[in-house]
């Protein structure tokens, strides 16, 4: 083959673009209605999953109750300290659970 001119050659990013499309497809599907997935790059996103957290809290109203401030929610690969009180603490717990669902969906679907 011909020698490549390294000064003018470009890398083919199509493989990464396709992977990015698949990841963002899963994020948008799993985050749910009202959540915002803002693409910041091929492999970066800002996710506002407040709507999903609020829906989760509303769906289990009366079942979760108040959690003690020192409660730790441990999942695969980490822990989430429940340092906040009241509704904000429950919202933090719901956010940890949404993040765990997103990780599981990405691992399952990719």
C-alpha atoms as a PDB file:
ATOM      1  CA  UNK A   1       0.000   0.000   0.000  1.00  0.00           C
ATOM      2  CA  UNK A   2       0.854   3.649  -0.137  1.00  0.00           C
ATOM      3  CA  UNK A   3       2.606   5.423   2.709  1.00  0.00           C
ATOM      4  CA  UNK A   4       0.271   7.577   4.801  1.00  0.00           C
ATOM      5  CA  UNK A   5       1.000  11.290   5.162  1.00  0.00           C
ATOM      6  CA  UNK A   6       0.685  11.704   8.945  1.00  0.00           C
ATOM      7  CA  UNK A   7       0.315  15.495   8.620  1.00  0.00           C
ATOM      8  CA  UNK A   8      -2.920  15.293   6.623  1.00  0.00           C
ATOM      9  CA  UNK A   9      -4.390  11.899   7.628  1.00  0.00           C
ATOM     10  CA  UNK A  10      -7.511  11.818   9.768  1.00  0.00           C
ATOM     11  CA  UNK A  11      -8.638   9.093  12.110  1.00  0.00           C
ATOM     12  CA  UNK A  12     -11.907   7.370  11.211  1.00  0.00           C
ATOM     13  CA  UNK A  13     -14.181   8.021  14.198  1.00  0.00           C
ATOM     14  CA  UNK A  14     -17.211   6.171  12.805  1.00  0.00           C
ATOM     15  CA  UNK A  15     -16.778   3.242  15.213  1.00  0.00           C
ATOM     16  CA  UNK A  16     -16.792   5.650  18.173  1.00  0.00           C
ATOM     17  CA  UNK A  17     -19.715   7.633  16.764  1.00  0.00           C
ATOM     18  CA  UNK A  18     -21.741   4.429  16.417  1.00  0.00           C
ATOM     19  CA  UNK A  19     -20.926   3.406  20.002  1.00  0.00           C
ATOM     20  CA  UNK A  20     -21.875   6.903  21.162  1.00  0.00           C
ATOM     21  CA  UNK A  21     -25.238   6.687  19.347  1.00  0.00           C
ATOM     22  CA  UNK A  22     -25.938   3.361  21.039  1.00  0.00           C
ATOM     23  CA  UNK A  23     -25.011   4.667  24.511  1.00  0.00           C
ATOM     24  CA  UNK A  24     -27.102   7.816  24.130  1.00  0.00           C
ATOM     25  CA  UNK A  25     -30.018   5.743  22.815  1.00  0.00           C
ATOM     26  CA  UNK A  26     -29.958   3.655  25.996  1.00  0.00           C
ATOM     27  CA  UNK A  27     -29.648   6.748  28.212  1.00  0.00           C
ATOM     28  CA  UNK A  28     -32.573   8.507  26.541  1.00  0.00           C
ATOM     29  CA  UNK A  29     -34.746   5.383  26.697  1.00  0.00           C
ATOM     30  CA  UNK A  30     -33.931   4.543  30.321  1.00  0.00           C
ATOM     31  CA  UNK A  31     -34.014   8.065  31.792  1.00  0.00           C
ATOM     32  CA  UNK A  32     -37.708   8.373  31.075  1.00  0.00           C
ATOM     33  CA  UNK A  33     -40.124  11.169  30.312  1.00  0.00           C
ATOM     34  CA  UNK A  34     -39.100  14.587  31.548  1.00  0.00           C
ATOM     35  CA  UNK A  35     -35.431  13.731  31.998  1.00  0.00           C
ATOM     36  CA  UNK A  36     -32.833  15.633  30.019  1.00  0.00           C
ATOM     37  CA  UNK A  37     -29.794  13.996  28.424  1.00  0.00           C
ATOM     38  CA  UNK A  38     -27.413  16.634  27.113  1.00  0.00           C
ATOM     39  CA  UNK A  39     -24.606  15.353  24.935  1.00  0.00           C
ATOM     40  CA  UNK A  40     -21.283  16.995  25.789  1.00  0.00           C
ATOM     41  CA  UNK A  41     -19.084  14.854  23.537  1.00  0.00           C
ATOM     42  CA  UNK A  42     -18.788  11.382  22.047  1.00  0.00           C
ATOM     43  CA  UNK A  43     -18.440   9.904  25.520  1.00  0.00           C
ATOM     44  CA  UNK A  44     -19.750  12.597  27.852  1.00  0.00           C
ATOM     45  CA  UNK A  45     -23.245  13.602  28.939  1.00  0.00           C
ATOM     46  CA  UNK A  46     -24.992  15.713  31.505  1.00  0.00           C
ATOM     47  CA  UNK A  47     -28.141  14.025  32.766  1.00  0.00           C
ATOM     48  CA  UNK A  48     -30.926  15.696  34.709  1.00  0.00           C
ATOM     49  CA  UNK A  49     -32.928  12.739  35.985  1.00  0.00           C
ATOM     50  CA  UNK A  50     -34.923  14.730  38.532  1.00  0.00           C
ATOM     51  CA  UNK A  51     -38.198  13.817  36.796  1.00  0.00           C
ATOM     52  CA  UNK A  52     -37.372  10.085  36.984  1.00  0.00           C
ATOM     53  CA  UNK A  53     -36.427  10.451  40.661  1.00  0.00           C
ATOM     54  CA  UNK A  54     -39.665  12.263  41.471  1.00  0.00           C
ATOM     55  CA  UNK A  55     -41.718   9.640  39.612  1.00  0.00           C
ATOM     56  CA  UNK A  56     -39.948   6.883  41.564  1.00  0.00           C
ATOM     57  CA  UNK A  57     -40.670   8.665  44.843  1.00  0.00           C
ATOM     58  CA  UNK A  58     -44.316   9.198  43.924  1.00  0.00           C
ATOM     59  CA  UNK A  59     -44.676   5.562  42.838  1.00  0.00           C
ATOM     60  CA  UNK A  60     -43.590   4.290  46.259  1.00  0.00           C
ATOM     61  CA  UNK A  61     -45.255   6.972  48.353  1.00  0.00           C
ATOM     62  CA  UNK A  62     -45.814   5.721  51.863  1.00  0.00           C
ATOM     63  CA  UNK A  63     -43.616   2.659  51.394  1.00  0.00           C
ATOM     64  CA  UNK A  64     -40.137   4.149  51.789  1.00  0.00           C
ATOM     65  CA  UNK A  65     -40.752   6.542  54.658  1.00  0.00           C
ATOM     66  CA  UNK A  66     -37.977   8.597  56.181  1.00  0.00           C
ATOM     67  CA  UNK A  67     -34.512   7.114  56.186  1.00  0.00           C
ATOM     68  CA  UNK A  68     -32.047   7.797  58.992  1.00  0.00           C
ATOM     69  CA  UNK A  69     -29.338  10.295  57.961  1.00  0.00           C
ATOM     70  CA  UNK A  70     -26.594   7.697  58.401  1.00  0.00           C
ATOM     71  CA  UNK A  71     -28.217   5.175  56.051  1.00  0.00           C
ATOM     72  CA  UNK A  72     -25.903   4.000  53.302  1.00  0.00           C
ATOM     73  CA  UNK A  73     -27.269   2.748  50.008  1.00  0.00           C
ATOM     74  CA  UNK A  74     -24.727   0.275  48.665  1.00  0.00           C
ATOM     75  CA  UNK A  75     -24.896  -1.041  45.134  1.00  0.00           C
ATOM     76  CA  UNK A  76     -22.552  -2.722  42.764  1.00  0.00           C
ATOM     77  CA  UNK A  77     -19.388  -0.699  42.654  1.00  0.00           C
ATOM     78  CA  UNK A  78     -20.031   1.915  45.307  1.00  0.00           C
ATOM     79  CA  UNK A  79     -22.064   3.499  48.004  1.00  0.00           C
ATOM     80  CA  UNK A  80     -24.219   6.577  48.338  1.00  0.00           C
ATOM     81  CA  UNK A  81     -24.337   8.227  51.772  1.00  0.00           C
ATOM     82  CA  UNK A  82     -27.760   9.409  52.810  1.00  0.00           C
ATOM     83  CA  UNK A  83     -26.543  12.609  54.509  1.00  0.00           C
ATOM     84  CA  UNK A  84     -29.529  14.698  53.470  1.00  0.00           C
ATOM     85  CA  UNK A  85     -32.728  14.723  55.531  1.00  0.00           C
ATOM     86  CA  UNK A  86     -36.375  14.445  54.559  1.00  0.00           C
ATOM     87  CA  UNK A  87     -37.492  14.713  50.951  1.00  0.00           C
ATOM     88  CA  UNK A  88     -34.031  15.731  49.716  1.00  0.00           C
ATOM     89  CA  UNK A  89     -32.578  12.572  51.271  1.00  0.00           C
ATOM     90  CA  UNK A  90     -35.209  10.471  49.561  1.00  0.00           C
ATOM     91  CA  UNK A  91     -34.511  12.285  46.288  1.00  0.00           C
ATOM     92  CA  UNK A  92     -30.801  11.492  46.684  1.00  0.00           C
ATOM     93  CA  UNK A  93     -31.674   7.821  47.273  1.00  0.00           C
ATOM     94  CA  UNK A  94     -33.890   7.827  44.194  1.00  0.00           C
ATOM     95  CA  UNK A  95     -31.026   9.368  42.186  1.00  0.00           C
ATOM     96  CA  UNK A  96     -28.692   6.580  43.297  1.00  0.00           C
ATOM     97  CA  UNK A  97     -31.243   4.018  42.167  1.00  0.00           C
ATOM     98  CA  UNK A  98     -31.755   5.742  38.789  1.00  0.00           C
ATOM     99  CA  UNK A  99     -27.972   5.775  38.252  1.00  0.00           C
ATOM    100  CA  UNK A 100     -27.811   2.056  39.110  1.00  0.00           C
ATOM    101  CA  UNK A 101     -30.595   1.336  36.585  1.00  0.00           C
ATOM    102  CA  UNK A 102     -28.734   3.312  33.912  1.00  0.00           C
ATOM    103  CA  UNK A 103     -25.505   1.383  34.557  1.00  0.00           C
ATOM    104  CA  UNK A 104     -27.368  -1.934  34.441  1.00  0.00           C
ATOM    105  CA  UNK A 105     -29.127  -1.022  31.189  1.00  0.00           C
ATOM    106  CA  UNK A 106     -25.857   0.043  29.557  1.00  0.00           C
ATOM    107  CA  UNK A 107     -24.139  -3.172  30.615  1.00  0.00           C
ATOM    108  CA  UNK A 108     -27.110  -5.258  29.474  1.00  0.00           C
ATOM    109  CA  UNK A 109     -27.707  -3.563  26.131  1.00  0.00           C
ATOM    110  CA  UNK A 110     -24.205  -2.824  24.907  1.00  0.00           C
END
